[in-house]
Amino acid sequence: MPEDLASQIPLTKEVLKGFGIPFFENEEYEADDLLATLAKKGEKMDLRIEILTADKDALQTVSSSICVLRPRKGITDIRRFDEKEVKKQYGVSPSQIPDFLALVGDTSD
């Protein structure tokens, strides 16, 4: 991680705490794995989940109650992926995304 970014992490944590926004971190897991785990837990609680990420790997978590918001240009042009949109864009179901990306390659990581 670039030092300029790493130096901002403690400040970001303090801002989140100040606003009462929970955050999660774990050195053993990647952020996308934590997002997927939290999304699935929320789904079991009958919550509607929206994940904002440019990482295509997150598309495998899409379900009837989880959607992924992917920025296209900056942060103002965002595409919403539900099950139908994943199938329309990639021709596979969300559960097939890992295999699809393994075959075609994924530059979003």
C-alpha atoms as a PDB file:
ATOM      1  CA  MET A   1       0.000   0.000   0.000  1.00  0.00           C
ATOM      2  CA  PRO A   2       1.400   3.445  -0.883  1.00  0.00           C
ATOM      3  CA  GLU A   3       2.566   5.394   2.174  1.00  0.00           C
ATOM      4  CA  ASP A   4       0.337   8.375   1.256  1.00  0.00           C
ATOM      5  CA  LEU A   5      -2.697   6.093   1.489  1.00  0.00           C
ATOM      6  CA  ALA A   6      -1.519   4.159   4.545  1.00  0.00           C
ATOM      7  CA  SER A   7      -1.029   7.373   6.501  1.00  0.00           C
ATOM      8  CA  GLN A   8      -4.705   8.268   5.966  1.00  0.00           C
ATOM      9  CA  ILE A   9      -6.088   5.076   7.524  1.00  0.00           C
ATOM     10  CA  PRO A  10      -5.855   6.164  11.193  1.00  0.00           C
ATOM     11  CA  LEU A  11      -7.553   9.481  10.373  1.00  0.00           C
ATOM     12  CA  THR A  12     -10.281   7.701   8.416  1.00  0.00           C
ATOM     13  CA  LYS A  13     -10.944   5.394  11.374  1.00  0.00           C
ATOM     14  CA  GLU A  14     -11.271   8.383  13.704  1.00  0.00           C
ATOM     15  CA  VAL A  15     -13.728  10.111  11.350  1.00  0.00           C
ATOM     16  CA  LEU A  16     -15.829   6.948  11.078  1.00  0.00           C
ATOM     17  CA  LYS A  17     -15.847   6.550  14.864  1.00  0.00           C
ATOM     18  CA  GLY A  18     -16.808  10.208  15.258  1.00  0.00           C
ATOM     19  CA  PHE A  19     -19.828   9.747  13.009  1.00  0.00           C
ATOM     20  CA  GLY A  20     -20.771   6.463  14.664  1.00  0.00           C
ATOM     21  CA  ILE A  21     -20.168   4.503  11.466  1.00  0.00           C
ATOM     22  CA  PRO A  22     -19.065   0.927  12.142  1.00  0.00           C
ATOM     23  CA  PHE A  23     -16.077  -0.411  10.263  1.00  0.00           C
ATOM     24  CA  PHE A  24     -14.472  -3.812  10.031  1.00  0.00           C
ATOM     25  CA  GLU A  25     -10.915  -4.830   9.439  1.00  0.00           C
ATOM     26  CA  ASN A  26      -9.036  -8.069   9.512  1.00  0.00           C
ATOM     27  CA  GLU A  27      -5.435  -8.514   8.403  1.00  0.00           C
ATOM     28  CA  GLU A  28      -6.105 -12.133   7.405  1.00  0.00           C
ATOM     29  CA  TYR A  29      -8.808 -11.390   4.809  1.00  0.00           C
ATOM     30  CA  GLU A  30      -9.172  -9.131   1.796  1.00  0.00           C
ATOM     31  CA  ALA A  31     -11.752  -6.361   1.877  1.00  0.00           C
ATOM     32  CA  ASP A  32     -13.916  -8.031  -0.787  1.00  0.00           C
ATOM     33  CA  ASP A  33     -14.102 -11.184   1.344  1.00  0.00           C
ATOM     34  CA  LEU A  34     -15.243  -9.141   4.349  1.00  0.00           C
ATOM     35  CA  LEU A  35     -17.833  -7.334   2.209  1.00  0.00           C
ATOM     36  CA  ALA A  36     -19.217 -10.615   0.907  1.00  0.00           C
ATOM     37  CA  THR A  37     -19.394 -12.113   4.396  1.00  0.00           C
ATOM     38  CA  LEU A  38     -21.194  -9.085   5.820  1.00  0.00           C
ATOM     39  CA  ALA A  39     -23.571  -8.962   2.852  1.00  0.00           C
ATOM     40  CA  LYS A  40     -24.524 -12.616   3.288  1.00  0.00           C
ATOM     41  CA  LYS A  41     -25.088 -12.089   7.027  1.00  0.00           C
ATOM     42  CA  GLY A  42     -27.324  -9.120   6.235  1.00  0.00           C
ATOM     43  CA  GLU A  43     -29.209 -11.204   3.700  1.00  0.00           C
ATOM     44  CA  LYS A  44     -29.952 -13.808   6.394  1.00  0.00           C
ATOM     45  CA  MET A  45     -31.413 -10.971   8.485  1.00  0.00           C
ATOM     46  CA  ASP A  46     -33.788 -10.117   5.585  1.00  0.00           C
ATOM     47  CA  LEU A  47     -31.963  -6.848   4.836  1.00  0.00           C
ATOM     48  CA  ARG A  48     -31.616  -5.356   1.377  1.00  0.00           C
ATOM     49  CA  ILE A  49     -27.902  -4.936   0.721  1.00  0.00           C
ATOM     50  CA  GLU A  50     -26.087  -2.663  -1.730  1.00  0.00           C
ATOM     51  CA  ILE A  51     -22.322  -3.042  -2.162  1.00  0.00           C
ATOM     52  CA  LEU A  52     -20.460  -0.145  -3.782  1.00  0.00           C
ATOM     53  CA  THR A  53     -17.288  -1.479  -5.414  1.00  0.00           C
ATOM     54  CA  ALA A  54     -15.490  -1.577  -8.745  1.00  0.00           C
ATOM     55  CA  ASP A  55     -14.345  -5.147  -8.045  1.00  0.00           C
ATOM     56  CA  LYS A  56     -16.106  -7.586 -10.375  1.00  0.00           C
ATOM     57  CA  ASP A  57     -15.578 -10.401  -7.854  1.00  0.00           C
ATOM     58  CA  ALA A  58     -18.390  -8.883  -5.774  1.00  0.00           C
ATOM     59  CA  LEU A  59     -20.876  -9.743  -8.526  1.00  0.00           C
ATOM     60  CA  GLN A  60     -20.888 -13.355  -7.280  1.00  0.00           C
ATOM     61  CA  THR A  61     -22.692 -12.147  -4.131  1.00  0.00           C
ATOM     62  CA  VAL A  62     -25.644 -10.728  -6.092  1.00  0.00           C
ATOM     63  CA  SER A  63     -28.980 -12.263  -5.140  1.00  0.00           C
ATOM     64  CA  SER A  64     -32.607 -11.240  -4.772  1.00  0.00           C
ATOM     65  CA  SER A  65     -31.607  -9.108  -1.767  1.00  0.00           C
ATOM     66  CA  ILE A  66     -27.999  -8.138  -2.614  1.00  0.00           C
ATOM     67  CA  CYS A  67     -27.034  -5.853  -5.477  1.00  0.00           C
ATOM     68  CA  VAL A  68     -23.687  -4.382  -6.486  1.00  0.00           C
ATOM     69  CA  LEU A  69     -23.209  -0.761  -7.472  1.00  0.00           C
ATOM     70  CA  ARG A  70     -20.211  -0.452  -9.826  1.00  0.00           C
ATOM     71  CA  PRO A  71     -18.749   2.960 -10.637  1.00  0.00           C
ATOM     72  CA  ARG A  72     -18.132   3.459 -14.340  1.00  0.00           C
ATOM     73  CA  LYS A  73     -16.570   6.917 -14.401  1.00  0.00           C
ATOM     74  CA  GLY A  74     -15.529   8.485 -11.144  1.00  0.00           C
ATOM     75  CA  ILE A  75     -18.238   8.320  -8.506  1.00  0.00           C
ATOM     76  CA  THR A  76     -21.121   9.915 -10.378  1.00  0.00           C
ATOM     77  CA  ASP A  77     -21.794   7.290 -13.051  1.00  0.00           C
ATOM     78  CA  ILE A  78     -22.800   4.091 -11.272  1.00  0.00           C
ATOM     79  CA  ARG A  79     -24.332   0.925 -12.696  1.00  0.00           C
ATOM     80  CA  ARG A  80     -26.604  -1.189 -10.499  1.00  0.00           C
ATOM     81  CA  PHE A  81     -26.227  -4.958 -10.853  1.00  0.00           C
ATOM     82  CA  ASP A  82     -29.033  -7.217  -9.730  1.00  0.00           C
ATOM     83  CA  GLU A  83     -29.387 -10.842 -10.866  1.00  0.00           C
ATOM     84  CA  LYS A  84     -30.972  -9.828 -14.171  1.00  0.00           C
ATOM     85  CA  GLU A  85     -28.294  -7.229 -14.939  1.00  0.00           C
ATOM     86  CA  VAL A  86     -25.424  -9.666 -14.209  1.00  0.00           C
ATOM     87  CA  LYS A  87     -26.955 -12.158 -16.646  1.00  0.00           C
ATOM     88  CA  LYS A  88     -27.536  -9.417 -19.248  1.00  0.00           C
ATOM     89  CA  GLN A  89     -23.992  -8.019 -19.012  1.00  0.00           C
ATOM     90  CA  TYR A  90     -21.967 -11.215 -18.635  1.00  0.00           C
ATOM     91  CA  GLY A  91     -24.255 -13.989 -19.872  1.00  0.00           C
ATOM     92  CA  VAL A  92     -23.879 -15.973 -16.641  1.00  0.00           C
ATOM     93  CA  SER A  93     -25.608 -16.124 -13.267  1.00  0.00           C
ATOM     94  CA  PRO A  94     -23.946 -14.484 -10.233  1.00  0.00           C
ATOM     95  CA  SER A  95     -22.839 -17.903  -8.916  1.00  0.00           C
ATOM     96  CA  GLN A  96     -20.926 -18.463 -12.177  1.00  0.00           C
ATOM     97  CA  ILE A  97     -18.987 -15.184 -11.973  1.00  0.00           C
ATOM     98  CA  PRO A  98     -15.825 -16.706 -10.397  1.00  0.00           C
ATOM     99  CA  ASP A  99     -15.534 -19.276 -13.194  1.00  0.00           C
ATOM    100  CA  PHE A 100     -16.352 -16.674 -15.847  1.00  0.00           C
ATOM    101  CA  LEU A 101     -13.688 -14.262 -14.576  1.00  0.00           C
ATOM    102  CA  ALA A 102     -11.141 -17.082 -14.323  1.00  0.00           C
ATOM    103  CA  LEU A 103     -11.714 -17.878 -17.995  1.00  0.00           C
ATOM    104  CA  VAL A 104     -11.782 -14.336 -19.400  1.00  0.00           C
ATOM    105  CA  GLY A 105      -9.476 -12.629 -16.915  1.00  0.00           C
ATOM    106  CA  ASP A 106     -10.261  -9.820 -14.506  1.00  0.00           C
ATOM    107  CA  THR A 107      -8.412  -6.511 -14.624  1.00  0.00           C
ATOM    108  CA  SER A 108     -10.500  -4.950 -11.820  1.00  0.00           C
ATOM    109  CA  ASP A 109      -8.347  -6.543  -9.073  1.00  0.00           C
END
